[in-house]
Amino acid sequence: MFSCQTTVINRLAVLVWFMTDKVHCAHILVKTEQEAKAILDRLNKGEKFANIAQQVSLCPSGKKGGDLGTFGRGKMVKEFENAAFAINKGEISGIVKTKFGYHIIKRLE
């Protein structure tokens, strides 16, 4: 019985993952990995994500606290998309490197 329940739960988790076709995220974009590490330190000390984005993000979205709005699969570069869809609502990613620089992503929805 337990293995049957586990199988059902695993299948539901996979189904939910595939059904998630849109996410709402904010991000902070910086030029260097060192800057990204410093931002993670600030976040770990309790600073607000949106405030840091407004202060340091190179992306125009920084003016809105890094808010990128809602986007679906295939709309962002692959590394960014993979990280955005891998985290849960309220979570913050690690450092994500793309051709644009170094990102820290927060899943809002």
N, C-alpha and C. Protein backbone atom coordinates (compact mmCIF):
# COMPACT_ATOMS: atom_id res chain seq x y z
N MET A 1 0.82 -1.20 0.00
CA MET A 1 0.00 0.00 0.00
C MET A 1 0.86 1.25 0.00
N PHE A 2 1.91 1.28 0.83
CA PHE A 2 2.76 2.46 0.89
C PHE A 2 3.39 2.76 -0.47
N SER A 3 3.90 1.74 -1.15
CA SER A 3 4.55 1.97 -2.44
C SER A 3 3.54 2.47 -3.47
N CYS A 4 2.31 2.04 -3.36
CA CYS A 4 1.26 2.52 -4.26
C CYS A 4 1.01 4.01 -4.02
N GLN A 5 0.93 4.40 -2.75
CA GLN A 5 0.72 5.81 -2.42
C GLN A 5 1.90 6.65 -2.89
N THR A 6 3.10 6.13 -2.70
CA THR A 6 4.29 6.85 -3.13
C THR A 6 4.27 7.03 -4.65
N THR A 7 3.90 6.01 -5.38
CA THR A 7 3.84 6.09 -6.83
C THR A 7 2.83 7.14 -7.27
N VAL A 8 1.68 7.18 -6.63
CA VAL A 8 0.65 8.17 -6.96
C VAL A 8 1.17 9.57 -6.67
N ILE A 9 1.81 9.75 -5.53
CA ILE A 9 2.35 11.06 -5.17
C ILE A 9 3.43 11.48 -6.18
N ASN A 10 4.31 10.57 -6.55
CA ASN A 10 5.35 10.88 -7.53
C ASN A 10 4.75 11.27 -8.87
N ARG A 11 3.74 10.56 -9.30
CA ARG A 11 3.09 10.87 -10.57
C ARG A 11 2.40 12.23 -10.52
N LEU A 12 1.79 12.54 -9.38
CA LEU A 12 1.15 13.85 -9.23
C LEU A 12 2.18 14.96 -9.27
N ALA A 13 3.33 14.75 -8.63
CA ALA A 13 4.39 15.76 -8.64
C ALA A 13 4.88 16.02 -10.06
N VAL A 14 5.06 14.97 -10.83
CA VAL A 14 5.48 15.12 -12.23
C VAL A 14 4.41 15.84 -13.03
N LEU A 15 3.17 15.50 -12.81
CA LEU A 15 2.06 16.13 -13.52
C LEU A 15 2.00 17.62 -13.20
N VAL A 16 2.14 17.98 -11.94
CA VAL A 16 2.12 19.39 -11.55
C VAL A 16 3.29 20.12 -12.20
N TRP A 17 4.47 19.49 -12.24
CA TRP A 17 5.63 20.12 -12.86
C TRP A 17 5.34 20.41 -14.33
N PHE A 18 4.78 19.44 -15.05
CA PHE A 18 4.49 19.64 -16.47
C PHE A 18 3.36 20.64 -16.69
N MET A 19 2.43 20.72 -15.75
CA MET A 19 1.30 21.62 -15.90
C MET A 19 1.70 23.07 -15.65
N THR A 20 2.80 23.27 -14.95
CA THR A 20 3.26 24.63 -14.69
C THR A 20 3.86 25.18 -15.97
N ASP A 21 3.04 25.92 -16.70
CA ASP A 21 3.53 26.43 -17.97
C ASP A 21 3.81 27.92 -17.92
N LYS A 22 3.51 28.55 -16.79
CA LYS A 22 3.80 29.97 -16.62
C LYS A 22 4.25 30.23 -15.19
N VAL A 23 5.16 31.18 -15.05
CA VAL A 23 5.62 31.60 -13.73
C VAL A 23 5.68 33.12 -13.69
N HIS A 24 5.63 33.65 -12.50
CA HIS A 24 5.77 35.09 -12.28
C HIS A 24 7.02 35.26 -11.44
N CYS A 25 8.02 35.94 -12.00
CA CYS A 25 9.31 36.06 -11.33
C CYS A 25 9.82 37.49 -11.34
N ALA A 26 10.74 37.73 -10.43
CA ALA A 26 11.54 38.94 -10.41
C ALA A 26 12.99 38.48 -10.47
N HIS A 27 13.87 39.36 -10.91
CA HIS A 27 15.28 38.99 -10.93
C HIS A 27 16.16 40.21 -10.71
N ILE A 28 17.39 39.91 -10.36
CA ILE A 28 18.42 40.93 -10.24
C ILE A 28 19.53 40.50 -11.20
N LEU A 29 19.91 41.38 -12.09
CA LEU A 29 20.96 41.11 -13.08
C LEU A 29 22.18 41.96 -12.78
N VAL A 30 23.33 41.30 -12.68
CA VAL A 30 24.59 42.01 -12.47
C VAL A 30 25.64 41.46 -13.43
N LYS A 31 26.75 42.15 -13.52
CA LYS A 31 27.77 41.82 -14.50
C LYS A 31 28.69 40.68 -14.06
N THR A 32 29.00 40.60 -12.76
CA THR A 32 29.99 39.63 -12.30
C THR A 32 29.42 38.65 -11.28
N GLU A 33 30.07 37.51 -11.19
CA GLU A 33 29.68 36.51 -10.19
C GLU A 33 29.93 37.05 -8.78
N GLN A 34 30.98 37.83 -8.62
CA GLN A 34 31.29 38.41 -7.31
C GLN A 34 30.15 39.32 -6.84
N GLU A 35 29.60 40.12 -7.76
CA GLU A 35 28.47 40.98 -7.41
C GLU A 35 27.26 40.13 -7.02
N ALA A 36 27.03 39.06 -7.76
CA ALA A 36 25.89 38.18 -7.47
C ALA A 36 26.04 37.54 -6.09
N LYS A 37 27.26 37.12 -5.75
CA LYS A 37 27.50 36.54 -4.42
C LYS A 37 27.22 37.56 -3.32
N ALA A 38 27.62 38.79 -3.56
CA ALA A 38 27.38 39.85 -2.57
C ALA A 38 25.88 40.09 -2.38
N ILE A 39 25.12 39.98 -3.46
CA ILE A 39 23.67 40.15 -3.37
C ILE A 39 23.05 39.00 -2.57
N LEU A 40 23.49 37.79 -2.82
CA LEU A 40 22.99 36.65 -2.03
C LEU A 40 23.28 36.86 -0.55
N ASP A 41 24.45 37.38 -0.24
CA ASP A 41 24.78 37.67 1.16
C ASP A 41 23.80 38.69 1.75
N ARG A 42 23.51 39.73 0.99
CA ARG A 42 22.55 40.75 1.45
C ARG A 42 21.17 40.14 1.67
N LEU A 43 20.75 39.29 0.76
CA LEU A 43 19.45 38.63 0.91
C LEU A 43 19.43 37.73 2.13
N ASN A 44 20.52 37.01 2.35
CA ASN A 44 20.60 36.12 3.51
C ASN A 44 20.60 36.88 4.83
N LYS A 45 20.97 38.15 4.78
CA LYS A 45 20.96 39.01 5.98
C LYS A 45 19.60 39.68 6.16
N GLY A 46 18.67 39.40 5.23
CA GLY A 46 17.31 39.90 5.42
C GLY A 46 16.90 41.10 4.59
N GLU A 47 17.77 41.59 3.73
CA GLU A 47 17.38 42.73 2.88
C GLU A 47 16.30 42.29 1.90
N LYS A 48 15.45 43.21 1.54
CA LYS A 48 14.34 42.94 0.63
C LYS A 48 14.84 42.81 -0.80
N PHE A 49 14.37 41.77 -1.48
CA PHE A 49 14.76 41.50 -2.87
C PHE A 49 14.49 42.71 -3.75
N ALA A 50 13.28 43.27 -3.66
CA ALA A 50 12.89 44.38 -4.53
C ALA A 50 13.77 45.61 -4.31
N ASN A 51 14.15 45.86 -3.06
CA ASN A 51 15.01 47.01 -2.77
C ASN A 51 16.39 46.85 -3.41
N ILE A 52 16.94 45.65 -3.31
CA ILE A 52 18.26 45.40 -3.90
C ILE A 52 18.16 45.52 -5.43
N ALA A 53 17.10 44.97 -6.00
CA ALA A 53 16.92 45.05 -7.46
C ALA A 53 16.89 46.51 -7.91
N GLN A 54 16.16 47.34 -7.18
CA GLN A 54 16.08 48.76 -7.54
C GLN A 54 17.44 49.44 -7.45
N GLN A 55 18.26 49.01 -6.53
CA GLN A 55 19.56 49.64 -6.31
C GLN A 55 20.63 49.20 -7.31
N VAL A 56 20.65 47.90 -7.68
CA VAL A 56 21.81 47.39 -8.42
C VAL A 56 21.54 46.68 -9.74
N SER A 57 20.30 46.30 -10.01
CA SER A 57 20.06 45.50 -11.21
C SER A 57 20.33 46.29 -12.49
N LEU A 58 20.98 45.63 -13.44
CA LEU A 58 21.28 46.23 -14.74
C LEU A 58 20.10 46.15 -15.70
N CYS A 59 19.11 45.37 -15.35
CA CYS A 59 17.92 45.20 -16.19
C CYS A 59 16.94 46.35 -15.92
N PRO A 60 16.27 46.83 -16.96
CA PRO A 60 15.25 47.87 -16.75
C PRO A 60 14.17 47.46 -15.74
N SER A 61 13.95 46.15 -15.58
CA SER A 61 12.95 45.68 -14.61
C SER A 61 13.34 46.03 -13.18
N GLY A 62 14.59 46.37 -12.96
CA GLY A 62 15.05 46.74 -11.63
C GLY A 62 14.24 47.89 -11.04
N LYS A 63 13.79 48.78 -11.90
CA LYS A 63 12.99 49.92 -11.44
C LYS A 63 11.69 49.46 -10.80
N LYS A 64 11.22 48.27 -11.19
CA LYS A 64 9.99 47.69 -10.63
C LYS A 64 10.33 46.59 -9.63
N GLY A 65 11.46 46.71 -8.99
CA GLY A 65 11.86 45.68 -8.02
C GLY A 65 12.29 44.39 -8.66
N GLY A 66 12.60 44.45 -9.95
CA GLY A 66 13.03 43.25 -10.68
C GLY A 66 11.90 42.46 -11.29
N ASP A 67 10.67 42.91 -11.11
CA ASP A 67 9.49 42.16 -11.56
C ASP A 67 9.46 42.03 -13.09
N LEU A 68 9.48 40.79 -13.55
CA LEU A 68 9.43 40.49 -14.98
C LEU A 68 8.02 40.15 -15.46
N GLY A 69 7.09 40.10 -14.54
CA GLY A 69 5.74 39.69 -14.89
C GLY A 69 5.68 38.18 -15.07
N THR A 70 4.62 37.73 -15.71
CA THR A 70 4.40 36.30 -15.94
C THR A 70 4.92 35.94 -17.31
N PHE A 71 5.60 34.81 -17.39
CA PHE A 71 6.11 34.33 -18.68
C PHE A 71 6.03 32.82 -18.74
N GLY A 72 5.97 32.32 -19.95
CA GLY A 72 5.87 30.89 -20.18
C GLY A 72 7.18 30.29 -20.63
N ARG A 73 7.16 28.99 -20.79
CA ARG A 73 8.34 28.27 -21.27
C ARG A 73 8.68 28.74 -22.68
N GLY A 74 9.96 28.84 -22.96
CA GLY A 74 10.42 29.24 -24.27
C GLY A 74 10.55 30.75 -24.46
N LYS A 75 10.26 31.53 -23.42
CA LYS A 75 10.31 32.99 -23.52
C LYS A 75 11.62 33.59 -23.02
N MET A 76 12.34 32.84 -22.21
CA MET A 76 13.61 33.32 -21.64
C MET A 76 14.73 32.39 -22.11
N VAL A 77 15.97 32.84 -21.96
CA VAL A 77 17.08 31.96 -22.29
C VAL A 77 17.00 30.72 -21.40
N LYS A 78 17.49 29.60 -21.92
CA LYS A 78 17.28 28.30 -21.29
C LYS A 78 17.75 28.23 -19.83
N GLU A 79 18.93 28.77 -19.53
CA GLU A 79 19.44 28.70 -18.16
C GLU A 79 18.51 29.43 -17.19
N PHE A 80 18.02 30.58 -17.63
CA PHE A 80 17.11 31.37 -16.80
C PHE A 80 15.79 30.61 -16.63
N GLU A 81 15.25 30.12 -17.73
CA GLU A 81 13.98 29.39 -17.68
C GLU A 81 14.08 28.18 -16.75
N ASN A 82 15.13 27.40 -16.89
CA ASN A 82 15.29 26.21 -16.06
C ASN A 82 15.28 26.57 -14.58
N ALA A 83 15.98 27.63 -14.22
CA ALA A 83 16.03 28.04 -12.81
C ALA A 83 14.68 28.57 -12.34
N ALA A 84 14.03 29.37 -13.17
CA ALA A 84 12.74 29.96 -12.79
C ALA A 84 11.67 28.91 -12.54
N PHE A 85 11.65 27.87 -13.38
CA PHE A 85 10.64 26.83 -13.24
C PHE A 85 11.02 25.80 -12.17
N ALA A 86 12.27 25.80 -11.73
CA ALA A 86 12.72 24.82 -10.74
C ALA A 86 12.45 25.26 -9.30
N ILE A 87 12.25 26.56 -9.09
CA ILE A 87 12.03 27.03 -7.72
C ILE A 87 10.53 27.19 -7.46
N ASN A 88 10.19 27.16 -6.20
CA ASN A 88 8.79 27.29 -5.79
C ASN A 88 8.47 28.75 -5.46
N LYS A 89 7.19 29.04 -5.37
CA LYS A 89 6.73 30.38 -5.02
C LYS A 89 7.41 30.84 -3.73
N GLY A 90 7.97 32.05 -3.77
CA GLY A 90 8.63 32.62 -2.61
C GLY A 90 10.10 32.28 -2.49
N GLU A 91 10.57 31.32 -3.27
CA GLU A 91 11.97 30.91 -3.19
C GLU A 91 12.85 31.79 -4.07
N ILE A 92 14.12 31.83 -3.71
CA ILE A 92 15.13 32.57 -4.46
C ILE A 92 16.15 31.57 -4.98
N SER A 93 16.52 31.73 -6.24
CA SER A 93 17.48 30.82 -6.86
C SER A 93 18.89 31.11 -6.35
N GLY A 94 19.78 30.24 -6.73
CA GLY A 94 21.20 30.54 -6.59
C GLY A 94 21.59 31.45 -7.74
N ILE A 95 22.86 31.56 -8.00
CA ILE A 95 23.35 32.39 -9.09
C ILE A 95 23.14 31.66 -10.41
N VAL A 96 22.55 32.35 -11.36
CA VAL A 96 22.27 31.77 -12.68
C VAL A 96 23.04 32.58 -13.72
N LYS A 97 23.96 31.92 -14.42
CA LYS A 97 24.77 32.60 -15.43
C LYS A 97 24.11 32.44 -16.80
N THR A 98 23.96 33.55 -17.50
CA THR A 98 23.47 33.53 -18.89
C THR A 98 24.38 34.43 -19.71
N LYS A 99 24.08 34.54 -20.99
CA LYS A 99 24.87 35.41 -21.86
C LYS A 99 24.72 36.90 -21.48
N PHE A 100 23.71 37.21 -20.66
CA PHE A 100 23.46 38.59 -20.25
C PHE A 100 24.22 38.98 -18.98
N GLY A 101 24.64 37.99 -18.23
CA GLY A 101 25.33 38.25 -16.97
C GLY A 101 24.91 37.23 -15.93
N TYR A 102 24.86 37.68 -14.68
CA TYR A 102 24.54 36.80 -13.54
C TYR A 102 23.23 37.25 -12.92
N HIS A 103 22.32 36.30 -12.77
CA HIS A 103 20.98 36.58 -12.27
C HIS A 103 20.76 35.90 -10.93
N ILE A 104 19.93 36.54 -10.13
CA ILE A 104 19.33 35.91 -8.96
C ILE A 104 17.83 36.08 -9.19
N ILE A 105 17.11 34.98 -9.12
CA ILE A 105 15.70 34.96 -9.49
C ILE A 105 14.84 34.68 -8.26
N LYS A 106 13.73 35.39 -8.15
CA LYS A 106 12.76 35.11 -7.10
C LYS A 106 11.44 34.77 -7.78
N ARG A 107 10.88 33.64 -7.39
CA ARG A 107 9.58 33.21 -7.94
C ARG A 107 8.49 33.87 -7.12
N LEU A 108 7.67 34.68 -7.76
CA LEU A 108 6.59 35.41 -7.09
C LEU A 108 5.28 34.62 -7.12
N GLU A 109 5.01 33.94 -8.19
CA GLU A 109 3.78 33.13 -8.33
C GLU A 109 4.13 31.82 -8.98
